Structure formats: C-alpha cells, structure tokens
N, C-alpha and C. Protein backbone atom coordinates (compact mmCIF):
# COMPACT_ATOMS: atom_id res chain seq x y z
N MET A 1 101.43 95.74 108.94
CA MET A 1 101.95 94.43 109.31
C MET A 1 103.26 94.63 110.08
N PRO A 2 103.49 93.85 111.12
CA PRO A 2 104.72 93.99 111.90
C PRO A 2 105.97 93.74 111.06
N GLN A 3 107.03 94.44 111.44
CA GLN A 3 108.32 94.28 110.77
C GLN A 3 109.33 93.73 111.76
N PHE A 4 110.31 92.99 111.22
CA PHE A 4 111.33 92.34 112.04
C PHE A 4 112.70 92.50 111.40
N ALA A 5 113.71 92.69 112.25
CA ALA A 5 115.11 92.67 111.82
C ALA A 5 115.67 91.31 112.19
N ILE A 6 116.26 90.66 111.22
CA ILE A 6 116.87 89.35 111.43
C ILE A 6 118.37 89.52 111.21
N THR A 7 119.15 89.29 112.26
CA THR A 7 120.60 89.37 112.15
C THR A 7 121.16 87.96 112.30
N CYS A 8 122.02 87.62 111.36
CA CYS A 8 122.61 86.28 111.32
C CYS A 8 124.13 86.42 111.28
N PHE A 9 124.81 85.61 112.04
CA PHE A 9 126.26 85.67 112.14
C PHE A 9 126.85 84.34 111.70
N ASP A 10 127.72 84.38 110.68
CA ASP A 10 128.30 83.16 110.12
C ASP A 10 129.21 82.45 111.11
N LYS A 11 129.29 81.15 110.97
CA LYS A 11 130.26 80.37 111.72
C LYS A 11 131.66 80.74 111.23
N PRO A 12 132.67 80.61 112.06
CA PRO A 12 134.03 80.91 111.62
C PRO A 12 134.42 80.05 110.41
N ASP A 13 135.23 80.63 109.54
CA ASP A 13 135.78 79.92 108.39
C ASP A 13 134.70 79.27 107.52
N SER A 14 133.62 80.00 107.29
CA SER A 14 132.50 79.43 106.52
C SER A 14 132.25 80.15 105.20
N LEU A 15 133.22 80.93 104.75
CA LEU A 15 133.03 81.68 103.50
C LEU A 15 132.75 80.74 102.33
N GLU A 16 133.43 79.61 102.26
CA GLU A 16 133.22 78.67 101.16
C GLU A 16 131.78 78.16 101.15
N LEU A 17 131.24 77.82 102.32
CA LEU A 17 129.85 77.37 102.42
C LEU A 17 128.90 78.48 101.99
N ARG A 18 129.17 79.70 102.43
CA ARG A 18 128.33 80.84 102.05
C ARG A 18 128.30 81.00 100.54
N MET A 19 129.46 80.97 99.91
CA MET A 19 129.51 81.19 98.46
C MET A 19 128.87 80.04 97.69
N ALA A 20 129.01 78.82 98.18
CA ALA A 20 128.41 77.68 97.51
C ALA A 20 126.88 77.72 97.60
N THR A 21 126.36 78.28 98.68
CA THR A 21 124.92 78.32 98.93
C THR A 21 124.29 79.60 98.39
N ARG A 22 125.10 80.57 98.03
CA ARG A 22 124.60 81.89 97.63
C ARG A 22 123.57 81.87 96.51
N PRO A 23 123.75 81.10 95.43
CA PRO A 23 122.74 81.13 94.37
C PRO A 23 121.33 80.76 94.85
N THR A 24 121.20 79.72 95.66
CA THR A 24 119.87 79.34 96.15
C THR A 24 119.35 80.34 97.17
N HIS A 25 120.25 80.93 97.94
CA HIS A 25 119.87 81.98 98.89
C HIS A 25 119.27 83.16 98.13
N LEU A 26 119.90 83.57 97.03
CA LEU A 26 119.40 84.71 96.26
C LEU A 26 118.05 84.42 95.61
N VAL A 27 117.85 83.20 95.14
CA VAL A 27 116.54 82.81 94.58
C VAL A 27 115.47 82.90 95.67
N TYR A 28 115.80 82.41 96.86
CA TYR A 28 114.86 82.46 97.99
C TYR A 28 114.53 83.91 98.33
N LEU A 29 115.54 84.77 98.44
CA LEU A 29 115.28 86.17 98.77
C LEU A 29 114.42 86.84 97.71
N GLN A 30 114.69 86.57 96.44
CA GLN A 30 113.89 87.17 95.38
C GLN A 30 112.43 86.73 95.48
N SER A 31 112.20 85.46 95.79
CA SER A 31 110.83 84.97 95.93
C SER A 31 110.12 85.66 97.10
N GLN A 32 110.85 85.92 98.16
CA GLN A 32 110.27 86.59 99.33
C GLN A 32 110.06 88.08 99.08
N LEU A 33 110.93 88.68 98.29
CA LEU A 33 110.75 90.07 97.87
C LEU A 33 109.49 90.18 97.00
N ASP A 34 109.35 89.27 96.04
CA ASP A 34 108.19 89.26 95.16
C ASP A 34 106.89 89.04 95.94
N ALA A 35 106.96 88.28 97.03
CA ALA A 35 105.79 87.99 97.86
C ALA A 35 105.47 89.12 98.84
N GLY A 36 106.33 90.14 98.90
CA GLY A 36 106.10 91.26 99.81
C GLY A 36 106.54 91.02 101.23
N VAL A 37 107.29 89.96 101.46
CA VAL A 37 107.78 89.64 102.80
C VAL A 37 109.10 90.35 103.08
N LEU A 38 110.05 90.22 102.17
CA LEU A 38 111.38 90.82 102.34
C LEU A 38 111.34 92.30 101.98
N LEU A 39 111.86 93.12 102.89
CA LEU A 39 111.96 94.56 102.65
C LEU A 39 113.35 94.95 102.17
N MET A 40 114.37 94.34 102.78
CA MET A 40 115.75 94.69 102.48
C MET A 40 116.66 93.59 103.03
N ALA A 41 117.81 93.39 102.38
CA ALA A 41 118.75 92.37 102.86
C ALA A 41 120.14 92.71 102.37
N GLY A 42 121.13 92.27 103.14
CA GLY A 42 122.52 92.43 102.74
C GLY A 42 123.44 91.82 103.77
N PRO A 43 124.71 91.64 103.38
CA PRO A 43 125.67 90.99 104.27
C PRO A 43 126.39 91.99 105.20
N PHE A 44 126.81 91.47 106.35
CA PHE A 44 127.79 92.17 107.17
C PHE A 44 129.15 91.84 106.57
N LEU A 45 130.10 92.77 106.66
CA LEU A 45 131.41 92.58 106.05
C LEU A 45 132.52 92.71 107.09
N ASP A 46 133.61 91.97 106.87
CA ASP A 46 134.78 92.11 107.74
C ASP A 46 135.71 93.18 107.18
N ALA A 47 136.87 93.35 107.79
CA ALA A 47 137.83 94.39 107.37
C ALA A 47 138.35 94.17 105.95
N ASP A 48 138.26 92.94 105.46
CA ASP A 48 138.71 92.63 104.10
C ASP A 48 137.56 92.61 103.09
N ASP A 49 136.39 93.13 103.50
CA ASP A 49 135.21 93.21 102.64
C ASP A 49 134.61 91.84 102.33
N LYS A 50 134.86 90.86 103.18
CA LYS A 50 134.32 89.51 103.02
C LYS A 50 133.06 89.40 103.89
N PRO A 51 132.00 88.75 103.38
CA PRO A 51 130.77 88.62 104.17
C PRO A 51 130.97 87.74 105.40
N THR A 52 130.35 88.18 106.50
CA THR A 52 130.45 87.45 107.77
C THR A 52 129.10 87.21 108.43
N GLY A 53 128.05 87.61 107.78
CA GLY A 53 126.71 87.46 108.33
C GLY A 53 125.72 88.18 107.45
N SER A 54 124.48 88.29 107.93
CA SER A 54 123.41 88.88 107.13
C SER A 54 122.49 89.73 108.00
N LEU A 55 121.94 90.76 107.38
CA LEU A 55 120.87 91.56 107.97
C LEU A 55 119.71 91.50 107.01
N LEU A 56 118.56 91.08 107.51
CA LEU A 56 117.35 90.99 106.69
C LEU A 56 116.23 91.72 107.41
N LEU A 57 115.50 92.53 106.69
CA LEU A 57 114.34 93.22 107.23
C LEU A 57 113.12 92.65 106.54
N VAL A 58 112.15 92.17 107.34
CA VAL A 58 110.98 91.49 106.78
C VAL A 58 109.69 92.00 107.42
N GLU A 59 108.60 91.79 106.69
CA GLU A 59 107.26 91.98 107.24
C GLU A 59 106.65 90.60 107.41
N ALA A 60 106.06 90.38 108.57
CA ALA A 60 105.42 89.09 108.84
C ALA A 60 104.25 89.33 109.78
N ALA A 61 103.29 88.45 109.75
CA ALA A 61 102.11 88.60 110.59
C ALA A 61 102.47 88.60 112.08
N ASP A 62 103.52 87.86 112.41
CA ASP A 62 103.94 87.75 113.81
C ASP A 62 105.37 87.20 113.85
N ARG A 63 105.88 87.05 115.06
CA ARG A 63 107.24 86.55 115.23
C ARG A 63 107.41 85.15 114.62
N ALA A 64 106.39 84.32 114.74
CA ALA A 64 106.46 82.99 114.16
C ALA A 64 106.66 83.05 112.65
N GLY A 65 106.04 84.02 112.00
CA GLY A 65 106.23 84.20 110.56
C GLY A 65 107.65 84.62 110.23
N ALA A 66 108.23 85.50 111.05
CA ALA A 66 109.62 85.92 110.85
C ALA A 66 110.56 84.74 111.10
N GLU A 67 110.26 83.93 112.10
CA GLU A 67 111.07 82.74 112.37
C GLU A 67 111.00 81.76 111.21
N ALA A 68 109.81 81.60 110.62
CA ALA A 68 109.66 80.70 109.48
C ALA A 68 110.45 81.21 108.28
N PHE A 69 110.42 82.53 108.06
CA PHE A 69 111.22 83.12 106.99
C PHE A 69 112.70 82.79 107.20
N ALA A 70 113.19 83.04 108.41
CA ALA A 70 114.61 82.80 108.72
C ALA A 70 114.97 81.33 108.56
N ALA A 71 114.11 80.44 109.01
CA ALA A 71 114.39 79.00 108.93
C ALA A 71 114.36 78.51 107.49
N GLY A 72 113.61 79.18 106.62
CA GLY A 72 113.52 78.77 105.23
C GLY A 72 114.68 79.23 104.37
N ASP A 73 115.51 80.11 104.89
CA ASP A 73 116.66 80.63 104.14
C ASP A 73 117.65 79.49 103.88
N PRO A 74 118.05 79.30 102.62
CA PRO A 74 119.04 78.26 102.33
C PRO A 74 120.33 78.37 103.14
N TYR A 75 120.74 79.57 103.50
CA TYR A 75 121.92 79.70 104.36
C TYR A 75 121.67 79.01 105.70
N ALA A 76 120.50 79.25 106.29
CA ALA A 76 120.17 78.61 107.57
C ALA A 76 120.09 77.10 107.41
N LYS A 77 119.45 76.65 106.34
CA LYS A 77 119.32 75.21 106.11
C LYS A 77 120.67 74.53 105.91
N ALA A 78 121.64 75.28 105.35
CA ALA A 78 122.98 74.72 105.13
C ALA A 78 123.84 74.73 106.39
N GLY A 79 123.35 75.35 107.46
CA GLY A 79 124.11 75.41 108.71
C GLY A 79 125.17 76.50 108.72
N LEU A 80 124.99 77.54 107.92
CA LEU A 80 125.98 78.61 107.83
C LEU A 80 126.09 79.43 109.11
N PHE A 81 124.99 79.64 109.79
CA PHE A 81 124.96 80.61 110.87
C PHE A 81 125.32 80.01 112.24
N ALA A 82 126.16 80.75 112.96
CA ALA A 82 126.47 80.40 114.35
C ALA A 82 125.36 80.90 115.26
N ALA A 83 124.74 82.02 114.88
CA ALA A 83 123.66 82.60 115.69
C ALA A 83 122.75 83.42 114.79
N THR A 84 121.48 83.42 115.15
CA THR A 84 120.47 84.23 114.47
C THR A 84 119.63 84.91 115.54
N GLU A 85 119.38 86.18 115.35
CA GLU A 85 118.58 86.96 116.29
C GLU A 85 117.44 87.62 115.52
N ILE A 86 116.24 87.54 116.05
CA ILE A 86 115.07 88.17 115.43
C ILE A 86 114.49 89.15 116.43
N ARG A 87 114.33 90.41 115.97
CA ARG A 87 113.79 91.45 116.84
C ARG A 87 112.72 92.23 116.11
N PRO A 88 111.67 92.63 116.81
CA PRO A 88 110.70 93.54 116.21
C PRO A 88 111.43 94.84 115.81
N TRP A 89 111.00 95.40 114.70
CA TRP A 89 111.67 96.59 114.16
C TRP A 89 110.60 97.50 113.57
N ARG A 90 110.84 98.80 113.63
CA ARG A 90 109.90 99.75 113.05
C ARG A 90 110.64 100.74 112.17
N ARG A 91 110.20 100.84 110.93
CA ARG A 91 110.76 101.82 110.00
C ARG A 91 110.25 103.21 110.41
N VAL A 92 111.18 104.15 110.55
CA VAL A 92 110.83 105.52 110.88
C VAL A 92 111.18 106.44 109.71
N PHE A 93 112.35 106.25 109.13
CA PHE A 93 112.79 107.05 108.00
C PHE A 93 113.10 106.13 106.82
N GLY A 94 113.00 106.69 105.62
CA GLY A 94 113.41 105.96 104.42
C GLY A 94 112.37 105.07 103.84
C-alpha cells in the first residue's frame, strides 16, 4: 500500500490551541494506528522544545486517502495548521 509523509506547520502563537486539542488528537492517532493507517507521528520542535508542527507517516490506498486522514485530524479541524503538505514517501530503512 502506498505511504505518505504529511507535514503540518502550526499557525504562529497557537501553542494554547495545540495543547487544548491534544487529547482528541491523540485519541484520533491511536485509532488510526490501531486501524493500520498511521505508521509514525510526532511534533516538530522549536529552540525551546515547544511543538510547532507535526510529521505523520501513513499508509493509504491513494493520495485522497492520505488527504482524508489529514483532514480528519482534530488539529486540522481546530484550525491549528498554517500549512499542510502531503507527499508520497517510501520506507527504505527501519
């Protein structure tokens, strides 16, 4: 099944929104991990170790499936992200 890297970049000064939405975001990610869609996920960090975005690696039938995954993320629904990029990705190591 095709794999995709989803990179999301938070809007400026949105740490409070991120933290308020985090519990539902984690429930969503766990459900997608359990369903075999999510491969790996974690935040980008600034110099002060504060999250500023997200990197998610997923398996989906096609780009539309990866887009649906990204759109279903509670962070996206809350308007946290200034930009989201989805690219085909291939695991080579690990």
